[in-house]
């Protein structure tokens, strides 16, 4: 059991380090089907281990200047309010319906991310709609040096996306990186590698709220399993960060999209067929 928990934690950490998200998506299935842990407890363990792993992963990226703190805080603050809401909503909707909706959302996210790799301007950090007519522009714009223009409309969009991320975190026990990374790239024009670092920062803060909500609701949280998962996650996120640094932005996005499709397919098939 100990070896498996560490190995599974390493898988989750590697996914976080490589793509800035997806760790929690892998964590819950591994905990439930690999370690035989009850789903409700798996949610809390997932959030705690993913949050701790994300914290370790974001530190070196902060040092390298790969985190947009202002943008990440907008996401995180909204997400911390959304996590308790998601935890409550999950008790009102049948589990099968939630899982199917979750899988469909992941497929949409993967498709959008893959489509964006065809645009050569994506990796520059400059919003691809810069200089176009006002009605063709995205809500968030960037200057030529990549600095985000944080207008009220842009802030509202990022807060809304952060709230959605928090709700998903509370409902499914995920850090929300699979939503944060595409949202940062698609809505704010952020370069993929900076989006990964900023996502890890937001995941850490959102996970704190998610774990607190889980514990407050009376769900069990095995500290031993969490520590083992986290131990493997720390090694995995370091390895994932090394691999991510050697990949181009478009390649990294395709890896992310492919992983999301695979997990989404598993979730949908497992829910509907089995």
Protein backbone atom coordinates (compact mmCIF):
# COMPACT_ATOMS: atom_id res chain seq x y z
CA UNK A 1 0.00 0.00 0.00
CA UNK A 2 2.83 2.38 0.92
CA UNK A 3 4.69 1.82 -2.34
CA UNK A 4 1.55 2.26 -4.43
CA UNK A 5 0.59 5.49 -2.66
CA UNK A 6 4.02 6.99 -3.33
CA UNK A 7 4.00 5.84 -6.97
CA UNK A 8 0.51 7.17 -7.58
CA UNK A 9 1.50 10.44 -5.94
CA UNK A 10 4.43 10.61 -8.33
CA UNK A 11 2.08 10.25 -11.30
CA UNK A 12 -0.06 13.10 -10.00
CA UNK A 13 2.96 15.28 -9.33
CA UNK A 14 4.42 14.62 -12.77
CA UNK A 15 1.14 15.69 -14.40
CA UNK A 16 1.15 18.90 -12.36
CA UNK A 17 4.77 19.70 -13.18
CA UNK A 18 4.35 18.98 -16.86
CA UNK A 19 1.09 20.78 -17.57
CA UNK A 20 0.22 22.82 -14.49
CA UNK A 21 -3.00 20.85 -14.14
CA UNK A 22 -4.58 17.45 -14.40
CA UNK A 23 -3.08 16.11 -11.20
CA UNK A 24 -6.33 16.03 -9.30
CA UNK A 25 -8.07 14.41 -12.25
CA UNK A 26 -5.68 11.48 -11.93
CA UNK A 27 -5.60 11.50 -8.11
CA UNK A 28 -9.19 10.54 -7.38
CA UNK A 29 -9.34 7.54 -9.77
CA UNK A 30 -5.97 6.29 -8.46
CA UNK A 31 -7.08 6.62 -4.85
CA UNK A 32 -10.46 4.97 -5.42
CA UNK A 33 -9.56 2.21 -7.90
CA UNK A 34 -5.90 1.76 -7.02
CA UNK A 35 -5.94 2.03 -3.23
CA UNK A 36 -9.57 1.18 -2.49
CA UNK A 37 -10.28 4.44 -0.66
CA UNK A 38 -13.88 5.65 -0.36
CA UNK A 39 -14.73 8.35 -2.94
CA UNK A 40 -15.62 11.02 -0.38
CA UNK A 41 -12.35 10.55 1.49
CA UNK A 42 -10.46 10.45 -1.81
CA UNK A 43 -11.69 13.97 -2.59
CA UNK A 44 -10.09 15.39 0.56
CA UNK A 45 -6.83 13.46 0.14
CA UNK A 46 -6.66 14.54 -3.50
CA UNK A 47 -7.06 18.22 -2.67
CA UNK A 48 -4.55 18.10 0.20
CA UNK A 49 -1.86 16.25 -1.75
CA UNK A 50 -2.37 18.22 -4.97
CA UNK A 51 -2.28 21.50 -3.06
CA UNK A 52 0.94 20.59 -1.25
CA UNK A 53 2.56 19.36 -4.45
CA UNK A 54 1.52 22.51 -6.31
CA UNK A 55 3.09 24.64 -3.57
CA UNK A 56 6.41 22.83 -3.98
CA UNK A 57 6.20 23.18 -7.76
CA UNK A 58 5.41 26.88 -7.80
CA UNK A 59 8.40 27.96 -5.67
CA UNK A 60 11.11 27.53 -8.35
CA UNK A 61 8.81 29.06 -10.96
CA UNK A 62 8.35 32.11 -8.75
CA UNK A 63 12.11 32.43 -8.59
CA UNK A 64 12.34 32.26 -12.39
CA UNK A 65 9.57 34.83 -12.84
CA UNK A 66 7.16 32.37 -14.47
CA UNK A 67 4.17 33.27 -12.28
CA UNK A 68 1.80 36.21 -12.80
CA UNK A 69 0.86 36.82 -9.18
CA UNK A 70 -1.85 39.38 -9.91
CA UNK A 71 -3.65 37.12 -12.38
CA UNK A 72 -3.18 34.07 -10.19
CA UNK A 73 -4.62 35.84 -7.15
CA UNK A 74 -7.73 36.82 -9.09
CA UNK A 75 -8.30 33.19 -9.98
CA UNK A 76 -7.49 31.93 -6.49
CA UNK A 77 -9.68 34.36 -4.54
CA UNK A 78 -12.71 33.57 -6.68
CA UNK A 79 -11.87 29.88 -6.55
CA UNK A 80 -11.66 29.85 -2.75
CA UNK A 81 -15.24 31.11 -2.64
CA UNK A 82 -16.33 28.59 -5.25
CA UNK A 83 -14.91 25.47 -3.53
CA UNK A 84 -17.49 25.38 -0.68
CA UNK A 85 -20.26 25.99 -3.22
CA UNK A 86 -19.07 23.05 -5.31
CA UNK A 87 -18.86 20.84 -2.24
CA UNK A 88 -22.50 21.61 -1.44
CA UNK A 89 -23.73 21.26 -5.03
CA UNK A 90 -22.15 17.81 -5.29
CA UNK A 91 -24.60 16.58 -2.66
CA UNK A 92 -27.60 17.68 -4.77
CA UNK A 93 -26.77 16.14 -8.16
CA UNK A 94 -26.53 12.40 -8.89
CA UNK A 95 -22.92 11.24 -9.11
CA UNK A 96 -23.30 9.74 -12.58
CA UNK A 97 -24.67 12.99 -13.99
CA UNK A 98 -21.81 14.96 -12.44
CA UNK A 99 -19.18 12.63 -13.85
CA UNK A 100 -20.61 12.70 -17.37
CA UNK A 101 -20.80 16.51 -17.28
CA UNK A 102 -17.23 16.57 -16.00
CA UNK A 103 -16.00 14.35 -18.83
CA UNK A 104 -17.78 16.42 -21.49
CA UNK A 105 -16.28 19.63 -20.11
CA UNK A 106 -12.81 18.09 -20.30
CA UNK A 107 -13.32 17.15 -23.95
CA UNK A 108 -14.31 20.72 -24.81
CA UNK A 109 -11.27 22.09 -22.99
CA UNK A 110 -8.96 19.65 -24.80
CA UNK A 111 -10.39 20.59 -28.19
CA UNK A 112 -9.93 24.31 -27.56
CA UNK A 113 -6.36 23.84 -26.37
CA UNK A 114 -5.41 21.69 -29.36
CA UNK A 115 -6.98 24.20 -31.77
CA UNK A 116 -4.90 26.98 -30.25
CA UNK A 117 -1.63 25.19 -31.13
CA UNK A 118 -2.25 26.06 -34.78
CA UNK A 119 -1.73 29.76 -34.01
CA UNK A 120 1.99 30.68 -34.19
CA UNK A 121 1.45 33.82 -32.07
CA UNK A 122 0.34 31.88 -29.02
CA UNK A 123 3.80 31.48 -27.51
CA UNK A 124 4.67 35.19 -27.67
CA UNK A 125 2.64 36.22 -24.64
CA UNK A 126 0.90 38.92 -26.71
CA UNK A 127 -2.84 38.62 -27.08
CA UNK A 128 -3.54 37.35 -30.58
CA UNK A 129 -6.41 39.84 -30.97
CA UNK A 130 -4.19 42.89 -30.33
CA UNK A 131 -4.72 45.58 -32.96
CA UNK A 132 -8.02 44.20 -34.24
CA UNK A 133 -11.32 46.01 -34.25
CA UNK A 134 -12.89 46.44 -30.82
CA UNK A 135 -15.72 44.01 -31.49
CA UNK A 136 -13.19 41.30 -32.47
CA UNK A 137 -11.03 41.65 -29.37
CA UNK A 138 -10.98 39.36 -26.38
CA UNK A 139 -11.94 40.77 -22.98
CA UNK A 140 -8.30 40.63 -21.85
CA UNK A 141 -5.58 42.36 -23.86
CA UNK A 142 -1.79 42.46 -23.52
CA UNK A 143 0.79 45.06 -24.41
CA UNK A 144 3.66 44.28 -26.77
CA UNK A 145 5.87 43.26 -23.82
CA UNK A 146 3.24 40.75 -22.68
CA UNK A 147 1.89 42.79 -19.74
CA UNK A 148 -1.78 42.12 -19.09
CA UNK A 149 -4.17 45.07 -19.29
CA UNK A 150 -6.32 44.35 -16.25
CA UNK A 151 -9.47 46.21 -17.22
CA UNK A 152 -12.71 45.75 -15.28
CA UNK A 153 -14.10 43.53 -18.04
CA UNK A 154 -10.96 41.39 -17.99
CA UNK A 155 -11.03 41.13 -14.19
CA UNK A 156 -14.67 40.04 -14.27
CA UNK A 157 -13.88 37.33 -16.81
CA UNK A 158 -10.95 36.00 -14.78
CA UNK A 159 -12.97 36.08 -11.55
CA UNK A 160 -15.80 34.16 -13.22
CA UNK A 161 -13.37 31.55 -14.52
CA UNK A 162 -11.80 31.32 -11.07
CA UNK A 163 -15.21 30.83 -9.44
CA UNK A 164 -15.97 28.02 -11.89
CA UNK A 165 -12.60 26.45 -11.08
CA UNK A 166 -13.35 26.54 -7.37
CA UNK A 167 -16.79 25.00 -7.86
CA UNK A 168 -15.26 22.17 -9.89
CA UNK A 169 -12.61 21.68 -7.20
CA UNK A 170 -15.24 21.29 -4.52
CA UNK A 171 -17.38 18.99 -6.62
CA UNK A 172 -14.72 16.62 -7.95
CA UNK A 173 -11.69 16.98 -5.67
CA UNK A 174 -9.48 18.42 -8.40
CA UNK A 175 -7.12 21.36 -8.18
CA UNK A 176 -8.71 22.87 -11.27
CA UNK A 177 -5.55 23.23 -13.34
CA UNK A 178 -7.20 21.61 -16.34
CA UNK A 179 -9.51 24.65 -16.35
CA UNK A 180 -7.02 27.28 -15.17
CA UNK A 181 -4.34 26.63 -17.80
CA UNK A 182 -6.68 26.79 -20.83
CA UNK A 183 -8.49 29.81 -19.35
CA UNK A 184 -5.24 31.72 -18.84
CA UNK A 185 -4.10 30.93 -22.38
CA UNK A 186 -7.42 31.43 -24.13
CA UNK A 187 -8.84 34.37 -22.17
CA UNK A 188 -5.77 36.35 -21.09
CA UNK A 189 -3.35 35.54 -23.92
CA UNK A 190 -0.78 34.16 -21.46
CA UNK A 191 2.13 32.11 -22.79
CA UNK A 192 1.74 28.42 -21.91
CA UNK A 193 4.78 28.07 -19.63
CA UNK A 194 3.74 31.11 -17.56
CA UNK A 195 0.21 29.73 -17.46
CA UNK A 196 1.54 26.50 -15.93
CA UNK A 197 3.34 28.39 -13.14
CA UNK A 198 0.40 30.70 -12.47
CA UNK A 199 -1.94 27.70 -12.41
CA UNK A 200 0.15 25.97 -9.72
CA UNK A 201 -0.02 29.11 -7.59
CA UNK A 202 -3.81 29.29 -7.88
CA UNK A 203 -4.23 25.54 -7.30
CA UNK A 204 -2.35 25.78 -4.00
CA UNK A 205 -4.64 28.49 -2.66
CA UNK A 206 -7.86 26.93 -3.98
CA UNK A 207 -6.91 23.55 -2.51
CA UNK A 208 -6.64 25.11 0.96
CA UNK A 209 -10.27 26.19 0.71
CA UNK A 210 -11.31 22.81 -0.69
CA UNK A 211 -9.63 20.84 2.10
CA UNK A 212 -11.13 23.12 4.75
CA UNK A 213 -14.61 22.61 3.25
CA UNK A 214 -14.11 18.85 3.13
CA UNK A 215 -12.99 18.64 6.76
CA UNK A 216 -15.74 21.00 7.92
CA UNK A 217 -18.35 18.77 6.28
CA UNK A 218 -17.17 15.83 8.41
CA UNK A 219 -15.37 13.84 5.71
CA UNK A 220 -12.47 11.67 6.83
CA UNK A 221 -8.92 12.60 5.82
CA UNK A 222 -6.15 10.02 6.24
CA UNK A 223 -3.00 11.95 7.11
CA UNK A 224 -0.85 8.88 6.46
CA UNK A 225 -2.09 8.34 2.92
CA UNK A 226 -1.96 12.09 2.24
CA UNK A 227 1.67 12.24 3.38
CA UNK A 228 2.62 9.27 1.18
CA UNK A 229 0.82 10.74 -1.83
CA UNK A 230 2.54 14.06 -1.21
CA UNK A 231 5.94 12.39 -0.89
CA UNK A 232 5.63 10.89 -4.36
CA UNK A 233 4.12 14.10 -5.69
CA UNK A 234 7.15 16.17 -4.71
CA UNK A 235 9.43 13.93 -6.75
CA UNK A 236 6.98 13.77 -9.63
CA UNK A 237 6.46 17.51 -9.93
CA UNK A 238 10.23 18.05 -10.02
CA UNK A 239 10.59 15.57 -12.89
CA UNK A 240 7.58 17.02 -14.69
CA UNK A 241 9.04 20.52 -14.44
CA UNK A 242 12.31 19.33 -15.99
CA UNK A 243 10.50 17.72 -18.92
CA UNK A 244 8.21 20.72 -19.42
CA UNK A 245 11.21 23.05 -19.68
CA UNK A 246 12.47 21.11 -22.69
CA UNK A 247 9.21 21.18 -24.62
CA UNK A 248 7.94 23.96 -26.87
CA UNK A 249 4.70 25.68 -25.95
CA UNK A 250 2.66 24.07 -28.74
CA UNK A 251 4.03 20.62 -27.91
CA UNK A 252 3.22 21.08 -24.24
CA UNK A 253 -0.34 22.09 -25.10
CA UNK A 254 -0.80 19.00 -27.26
CA UNK A 255 0.48 16.78 -24.45
CA UNK A 256 -1.97 18.46 -22.07
CA UNK A 257 -4.89 18.09 -24.48
CA UNK A 258 -4.11 14.44 -25.15
CA UNK A 259 -3.94 13.62 -21.44
CA UNK A 260 -7.26 15.38 -20.83
CA UNK A 261 -8.96 13.43 -23.65
CA UNK A 262 -7.71 10.11 -22.26
CA UNK A 263 -8.92 10.85 -18.75
CA UNK A 264 -12.25 12.22 -20.01
CA UNK A 265 -12.84 9.09 -22.08
CA UNK A 266 -12.10 6.89 -19.07
CA UNK A 267 -14.47 8.85 -16.84
CA UNK A 268 -17.34 8.79 -19.34
CA UNK A 269 -16.95 5.09 -20.25
CA UNK A 270 -16.55 4.07 -16.61
CA UNK A 271 -19.69 6.00 -15.67
CA UNK A 272 -22.00 5.03 -18.54
CA UNK A 273 -20.88 1.55 -19.55
CA UNK A 274 -19.65 0.00 -16.29
